[in-house]
Amino acid sequence: MPAPKTAAVQTVTPTLSGRSLLFSVGMIAATGVVALALALSATQPFSRRYQTSRYWSQFNLWWLRMTCQIDYQISGAGFQPLNCPEGKED
C-alpha cells in the first residue's frame, strides 16, 4: 500500500492574509444580501428561491478563485449515474 500524500505546508504571508480577509468580507456581504432576498421572496416558488441560493454558492466559488486563487477539480464524476436527477440517488 503506497504512503498517503501529505499536503504542502504554506507559510502565512501578509498577502495571503489580506486576500483571505477580502474573501471573508465578500462572502459575508453576499450572505447578507442573499439572506435578505430569500426572506423577502418567501412567497415565491421554491424553484426560484433554490435558484437564488445556487447563485450565492456559485458566487462564493468564483469569489474564492478571484481573491485567493483557489480552485477545485472533481474526480470520479464518471461513476455518477447520468439519468439520476440532481441530488437524488437511489
Protein backbone atom coordinates (compact mmCIF):
# COMPACT_ATOMS: atom_id res chain seq x y z
CA MET A 1 0.00 0.00 0.00
CA PRO A 2 1.53 3.36 -1.03
CA ALA A 3 2.15 6.02 1.59
CA PRO A 4 -0.56 8.70 1.78
CA LYS A 5 0.21 12.02 0.16
CA THR A 6 0.81 14.88 2.53
CA ALA A 7 -0.36 18.43 1.93
CA ALA A 8 2.26 21.05 1.19
CA VAL A 9 2.85 23.41 4.08
CA GLN A 10 2.37 27.04 3.12
CA THR A 11 3.53 29.90 5.27
CA VAL A 12 1.04 32.64 6.04
CA THR A 13 2.12 35.87 4.41
CA PRO A 14 0.57 39.34 4.68
CA THR A 15 -0.66 38.98 1.09
CA LEU A 16 -2.38 35.69 1.86
CA SER A 17 -3.94 37.13 5.00
CA GLY A 18 -5.21 40.16 3.06
CA ARG A 19 -6.74 38.01 0.34
CA SER A 20 -8.37 35.78 2.94
CA LEU A 21 -9.81 38.81 4.70
CA LEU A 22 -11.08 40.19 1.39
CA PHE A 23 -12.76 36.86 0.61
CA SER A 24 -14.38 36.74 4.05
CA VAL A 25 -15.75 40.28 3.71
CA GLY A 26 -17.18 39.49 0.26
CA MET A 27 -18.73 36.22 1.43
CA ILE A 28 -20.33 37.88 4.47
CA ALA A 29 -21.71 40.72 2.32
CA ALA A 30 -23.10 38.26 -0.23
CA THR A 31 -24.63 36.17 2.55
CA GLY A 32 -26.42 39.23 3.92
CA VAL A 33 -27.77 40.21 0.52
CA VAL A 34 -28.95 36.71 -0.32
CA ALA A 35 -30.47 36.15 3.13
CA LEU A 36 -32.48 39.35 2.74
CA ALA A 37 -33.53 38.38 -0.78
CA LEU A 38 -34.62 34.92 0.37
CA ALA A 39 -36.54 36.33 3.33
CA LEU A 40 -38.37 38.79 1.07
CA SER A 41 -39.12 36.09 -1.50
CA ALA A 42 -40.83 33.71 0.92
CA THR A 43 -43.97 33.77 -1.23
CA GLN A 44 -42.07 32.87 -4.41
CA PRO A 45 -41.99 29.28 -5.69
CA PHE A 46 -39.34 27.01 -4.20
CA SER A 47 -37.57 26.68 -7.56
CA ARG A 48 -36.90 30.43 -7.68
CA ARG A 49 -35.60 30.51 -4.08
CA TYR A 50 -33.44 27.47 -4.77
CA GLN A 51 -32.01 29.15 -7.87
CA THR A 52 -31.13 32.22 -5.79
CA SER A 53 -29.27 30.08 -3.27
CA ARG A 54 -27.41 28.33 -6.12
CA TYR A 55 -26.27 31.73 -7.42
CA TRP A 56 -24.94 32.51 -3.94
CA SER A 57 -22.84 29.34 -3.85
CA GLN A 58 -21.58 29.93 -7.39
CA PHE A 59 -20.64 33.49 -6.46
CA ASN A 60 -18.71 32.25 -3.42
CA LEU A 61 -16.72 29.77 -5.52
CA TRP A 62 -15.99 32.46 -8.11
CA TRP A 63 -15.01 34.95 -5.38
CA LEU A 64 -12.70 32.35 -3.83
CA ARG A 65 -11.00 31.85 -7.21
CA MET A 66 -10.61 35.60 -7.75
CA THR A 67 -9.38 36.58 -4.30
CA CYS A 68 -7.37 33.56 -3.09
CA GLN A 69 -6.58 31.81 -6.40
CA ILE A 70 -8.09 28.59 -5.04
CA ASP A 71 -9.81 26.29 -7.49
CA TYR A 72 -11.22 22.79 -7.32
CA GLN A 73 -11.49 19.76 -9.57
CA ILE A 74 -13.99 16.93 -9.21
CA SER A 75 -12.58 13.46 -9.80
CA GLY A 76 -14.56 10.28 -10.11
CA ALA A 77 -17.53 12.04 -11.68
CA GLY A 78 -17.68 9.29 -14.30
CA PHE A 79 -19.18 6.95 -11.71
CA GLN A 80 -22.28 9.06 -11.10
CA PRO A 81 -25.46 7.91 -12.84
CA LEU A 82 -26.24 10.17 -15.80
CA ASN A 83 -30.01 9.74 -15.69
CA CYS A 84 -30.36 10.49 -11.97
CA PRO A 85 -31.87 13.90 -11.10
CA GLU A 86 -29.58 16.25 -9.24
CA GLY A 87 -29.39 15.43 -5.54
CA LYS A 88 -31.46 12.23 -5.80
CA GLU A 89 -29.55 8.99 -5.82
CA ASP A 90 -31.03 5.53 -5.40
